[in-house]
Amino acid sequence: MRRLRRPGHGASASGRLAAQRGHALACRRHQEAEALTAYREPDRLSLVLRLGLARSLNGQARHEEALAQAEQAEEVRRGLPQEQSRPEAGAVELAVGTALLGLRRGNEACLSAAAAHDVCLASFGPGHRRTVEARTLLDLIDGA
């Protein structure tokens, strides 16, 4: 797994400042999403917020927390009518697969990523960003 450099290492002063501002913004949005998901009734926005939170946590290598958020997103998705959950097709499986890969649970990650890819391919086609992301995750798992 690739290590991320901390903001400010090996970059110009303006690059470091931009990275620090970007990091601060990401942390603030992460905190906002956590607060909103804690008190919302299950609806499409709740699903989207939980998925965004899972992606953010995965990006911070906080995979246990990301997996928990993705599992909660799945519970919300199951309670929604299909027309409300369809735009997020494959997103839960993708978040779960990413978290499982980060937790070094490769077999489970592969199953989840394959499910995400199948759902995205059927729902959106091969060129959709989520389908491509699922395919990339499968390739990453295969190379791990």
Foldseek 3Di string as FASTA:
>chain_A
DDDDDDQPPPDDPVSSVVSVVVVVVLVVLLVVLVVVLVDDDQFLVNLVSLLVNLVSCLVVLVLVVSLVSLVVSVVSLVPYDCVSCLVCQLSSLLSNLSSCVSVVVLVSSLVSLVNSLVRCCVRPNCPDPSNVSSVVSNVVSVVD
